[in-house]
Amino acid sequence: MAYYADRRTPAEQADLFAPDGVVTVYEGERQLRGSETLAAGFASFGCYEATTHFVGLRSRPRTGPVCNRPVRTPS
């Protein structure tokens, strides 16, 4: 996502999301929903010389097997 955001290509950036994807913009606390709205919202970031990317508070249900690698504990 940051690759397309840095290059200011909003359509490609929006294509990374599911068709009903949601992005919450904390400046103004608004939500962008759906591909067209996401692309328009991402295009509006083009007025900034630099942007900071933060991906957080996301969750996805686990549908596959759990990784069986041993967990490393700090010594």
N, C-alpha and C. Protein backbone atom coordinates (compact mmCIF):
# COMPACT_ATOMS: atom_id res chain seq x y z
N MET A 1 0.82 -1.19 0.00
CA MET A 1 0.00 0.00 0.00
C MET A 1 0.86 1.25 0.00
N ALA A 2 1.90 1.27 0.81
CA ALA A 2 2.75 2.45 0.88
C ALA A 2 3.40 2.73 -0.46
N TYR A 3 3.71 1.68 -1.22
CA TYR A 3 4.32 1.85 -2.54
C TYR A 3 3.44 2.74 -3.42
N TYR A 4 2.15 2.40 -3.50
CA TYR A 4 1.24 3.18 -4.34
C TYR A 4 0.92 4.54 -3.74
N ALA A 5 0.86 4.61 -2.43
CA ALA A 5 0.60 5.90 -1.77
C ALA A 5 1.76 6.85 -2.02
N ASP A 6 2.99 6.35 -1.91
CA ASP A 6 4.16 7.19 -2.13
C ASP A 6 4.24 7.69 -3.57
N ARG A 7 3.74 6.89 -4.50
CA ARG A 7 3.80 7.27 -5.91
C ARG A 7 2.54 8.01 -6.36
N ARG A 8 1.63 8.24 -5.42
CA ARG A 8 0.39 8.97 -5.68
C ARG A 8 -0.41 8.35 -6.81
N THR A 9 -0.63 7.03 -6.70
CA THR A 9 -1.46 6.30 -7.66
C THR A 9 -2.67 5.74 -6.91
N PRO A 10 -3.69 6.57 -6.70
CA PRO A 10 -4.81 6.19 -5.84
C PRO A 10 -5.63 4.99 -6.33
N ALA A 11 -5.80 4.83 -7.64
CA ALA A 11 -6.59 3.70 -8.14
C ALA A 11 -5.91 2.37 -7.79
N GLU A 12 -4.60 2.31 -7.98
CA GLU A 12 -3.87 1.09 -7.65
C GLU A 12 -3.88 0.85 -6.14
N GLN A 13 -3.80 1.91 -5.38
CA GLN A 13 -3.85 1.80 -3.93
C GLN A 13 -5.22 1.25 -3.49
N ALA A 14 -6.29 1.75 -4.07
CA ALA A 14 -7.64 1.29 -3.73
C ALA A 14 -7.84 -0.17 -4.14
N ASP A 15 -7.20 -0.61 -5.21
CA ASP A 15 -7.34 -1.99 -5.68
C ASP A 15 -6.78 -3.01 -4.68
N LEU A 16 -5.99 -2.57 -3.73
CA LEU A 16 -5.44 -3.48 -2.73
C LEU A 16 -6.47 -3.88 -1.68
N PHE A 17 -7.60 -3.19 -1.65
CA PHE A 17 -8.64 -3.44 -0.66
C PHE A 17 -9.75 -4.30 -1.25
N ALA A 18 -10.46 -4.99 -0.38
CA ALA A 18 -11.65 -5.73 -0.80
C ALA A 18 -12.67 -4.72 -1.34
N PRO A 19 -13.59 -5.16 -2.21
CA PRO A 19 -14.56 -4.24 -2.78
C PRO A 19 -15.36 -3.45 -1.74
N ASP A 20 -15.57 -4.04 -0.57
CA ASP A 20 -16.30 -3.34 0.48
C ASP A 20 -15.36 -2.86 1.59
N GLY A 21 -14.09 -2.69 1.25
CA GLY A 21 -13.08 -2.27 2.22
C GLY A 21 -13.38 -0.91 2.84
N VAL A 22 -12.89 -0.70 4.06
CA VAL A 22 -13.13 0.54 4.79
C VAL A 22 -11.80 1.07 5.30
N VAL A 23 -11.57 2.36 5.12
CA VAL A 23 -10.41 3.04 5.69
C VAL A 23 -10.95 4.18 6.54
N THR A 24 -10.47 4.26 7.77
CA THR A 24 -10.87 5.36 8.65
C THR A 24 -9.77 6.41 8.64
N VAL A 25 -10.13 7.62 8.29
CA VAL A 25 -9.20 8.74 8.26
C VAL A 25 -9.42 9.50 9.56
N TYR A 26 -8.41 9.54 10.41
CA TYR A 26 -8.60 10.13 11.72
C TYR A 26 -8.61 11.64 11.71
N GLU A 27 -8.09 12.26 10.67
CA GLU A 27 -8.22 13.70 10.56
C GLU A 27 -9.63 13.98 10.07
N GLY A 28 -10.48 14.40 10.94
CA GLY A 28 -11.88 14.60 10.59
C GLY A 28 -12.72 13.39 10.90
N GLU A 29 -12.10 12.31 11.30
CA GLU A 29 -12.79 11.07 11.66
C GLU A 29 -13.86 10.68 10.65
N ARG A 30 -13.44 10.45 9.44
CA ARG A 30 -14.38 10.01 8.41
C ARG A 30 -13.97 8.64 7.92
N GLN A 31 -14.90 7.92 7.32
CA GLN A 31 -14.60 6.61 6.77
C GLN A 31 -14.78 6.61 5.27
N LEU A 32 -13.86 5.96 4.60
CA LEU A 32 -13.94 5.78 3.15
C LEU A 32 -14.36 4.34 2.91
N ARG A 33 -15.44 4.13 2.17
CA ARG A 33 -15.97 2.78 1.93
C ARG A 33 -16.11 2.53 0.43
N GLY A 34 -15.61 1.39 0.00
CA GLY A 34 -15.75 0.98 -1.39
C GLY A 34 -14.64 1.53 -2.27
N SER A 35 -14.37 0.85 -3.37
CA SER A 35 -13.24 1.15 -4.24
C SER A 35 -13.22 2.58 -4.77
N GLU A 36 -14.36 3.05 -5.27
CA GLU A 36 -14.38 4.40 -5.85
C GLU A 36 -14.15 5.47 -4.79
N THR A 37 -14.76 5.30 -3.64
CA THR A 37 -14.60 6.27 -2.56
C THR A 37 -13.18 6.23 -2.02
N LEU A 38 -12.61 5.01 -1.92
CA LEU A 38 -11.23 4.88 -1.47
C LEU A 38 -10.29 5.60 -2.42
N ALA A 39 -10.45 5.37 -3.73
CA ALA A 39 -9.57 6.01 -4.71
C ALA A 39 -9.68 7.53 -4.64
N ALA A 40 -10.89 8.04 -4.50
CA ALA A 40 -11.07 9.50 -4.41
C ALA A 40 -10.42 10.04 -3.13
N GLY A 41 -10.58 9.32 -2.05
CA GLY A 41 -9.96 9.74 -0.79
C GLY A 41 -8.45 9.71 -0.87
N PHE A 42 -7.90 8.65 -1.46
CA PHE A 42 -6.45 8.56 -1.60
C PHE A 42 -5.92 9.66 -2.53
N ALA A 43 -6.70 10.01 -3.54
CA ALA A 43 -6.28 11.09 -4.46
C ALA A 43 -6.15 12.41 -3.72
N SER A 44 -6.98 12.61 -2.71
CA SER A 44 -6.93 13.87 -1.97
C SER A 44 -5.63 14.03 -1.19
N PHE A 45 -4.91 12.94 -0.95
CA PHE A 45 -3.64 13.03 -0.23
C PHE A 45 -2.53 13.59 -1.11
N GLY A 46 -2.79 13.72 -2.41
CA GLY A 46 -1.78 14.23 -3.33
C GLY A 46 -1.38 15.68 -3.07
N CYS A 47 -2.16 16.39 -2.30
CA CYS A 47 -1.83 17.79 -2.02
C CYS A 47 -0.71 17.91 -0.97
N TYR A 48 -0.37 16.80 -0.33
CA TYR A 48 0.67 16.83 0.69
C TYR A 48 2.03 16.47 0.09
N GLU A 49 3.06 17.15 0.53
CA GLU A 49 4.41 16.86 0.06
C GLU A 49 4.88 15.50 0.57
N ALA A 50 4.51 15.17 1.79
CA ALA A 50 4.89 13.89 2.39
C ALA A 50 3.72 13.36 3.20
N THR A 51 3.63 12.05 3.30
CA THR A 51 2.60 11.42 4.11
C THR A 51 3.24 10.37 5.00
N THR A 52 2.59 10.06 6.10
CA THR A 52 3.04 9.00 6.99
C THR A 52 2.03 7.88 6.94
N HIS A 53 2.50 6.67 6.86
CA HIS A 53 1.62 5.51 6.74
C HIS A 53 1.57 4.78 8.07
N PHE A 54 0.39 4.49 8.53
CA PHE A 54 0.22 3.73 9.76
C PHE A 54 -0.90 2.74 9.53
N VAL A 55 -0.59 1.49 9.73
CA VAL A 55 -1.60 0.45 9.63
C VAL A 55 -1.74 -0.14 11.02
N GLY A 56 -2.91 -0.01 11.58
CA GLY A 56 -3.09 -0.53 12.93
C GLY A 56 -4.54 -0.87 13.19
N LEU A 57 -4.74 -1.52 14.30
CA LEU A 57 -6.07 -1.90 14.72
C LEU A 57 -6.80 -2.71 13.67
N ARG A 58 -6.09 -3.59 13.05
CA ARG A 58 -6.75 -4.43 12.06
C ARG A 58 -6.82 -5.85 12.61
N SER A 59 -7.81 -6.56 12.22
CA SER A 59 -7.92 -7.95 12.63
C SER A 59 -8.53 -8.74 11.49
N ARG A 60 -8.10 -9.98 11.41
CA ARG A 60 -8.64 -10.88 10.41
C ARG A 60 -8.88 -12.22 11.09
N PRO A 61 -9.99 -12.85 10.80
CA PRO A 61 -10.22 -14.16 11.40
C PRO A 61 -9.24 -15.18 10.83
N ARG A 62 -8.76 -16.05 11.68
CA ARG A 62 -7.84 -17.10 11.24
C ARG A 62 -8.66 -18.20 10.60
N THR A 63 -8.31 -18.55 9.36
CA THR A 63 -9.05 -19.59 8.66
C THR A 63 -8.19 -20.80 8.35
N GLY A 64 -6.88 -20.67 8.49
CA GLY A 64 -5.99 -21.77 8.17
C GLY A 64 -5.39 -22.37 9.42
N PRO A 65 -4.46 -23.30 9.22
CA PRO A 65 -3.83 -23.94 10.37
C PRO A 65 -2.95 -22.95 11.13
N VAL A 66 -2.78 -23.22 12.40
CA VAL A 66 -1.92 -22.41 13.24
C VAL A 66 -0.48 -22.80 12.97
N CYS A 67 0.40 -21.82 12.92
CA CYS A 67 1.82 -22.08 12.68
C CYS A 67 2.37 -22.97 13.80
N ASN A 68 3.11 -24.00 13.44
CA ASN A 68 3.63 -24.94 14.43
C ASN A 68 5.09 -24.67 14.80
N ARG A 69 5.62 -23.50 14.43
CA ARG A 69 6.99 -23.18 14.80
C ARG A 69 7.06 -22.87 16.29
N PRO A 70 8.17 -23.23 16.93
CA PRO A 70 8.29 -22.91 18.35
C PRO A 70 8.34 -21.41 18.57
N VAL A 71 7.78 -20.95 19.65
CA VAL A 71 7.79 -19.55 20.00
C VAL A 71 9.07 -19.25 20.75
N ARG A 72 9.77 -18.20 20.33
CA ARG A 72 11.01 -17.82 21.00
C ARG A 72 10.66 -16.92 22.18
N THR A 73 11.25 -17.21 23.30
CA THR A 73 11.04 -16.38 24.48
C THR A 73 12.32 -15.64 24.79
N PRO A 74 12.22 -14.40 25.25
CA PRO A 74 13.44 -13.64 25.57
C PRO A 74 14.20 -14.31 26.71
N SER A 75 15.54 -14.30 26.59
CA SER A 75 16.34 -14.92 27.66
C SER A 75 16.85 -13.91 28.65
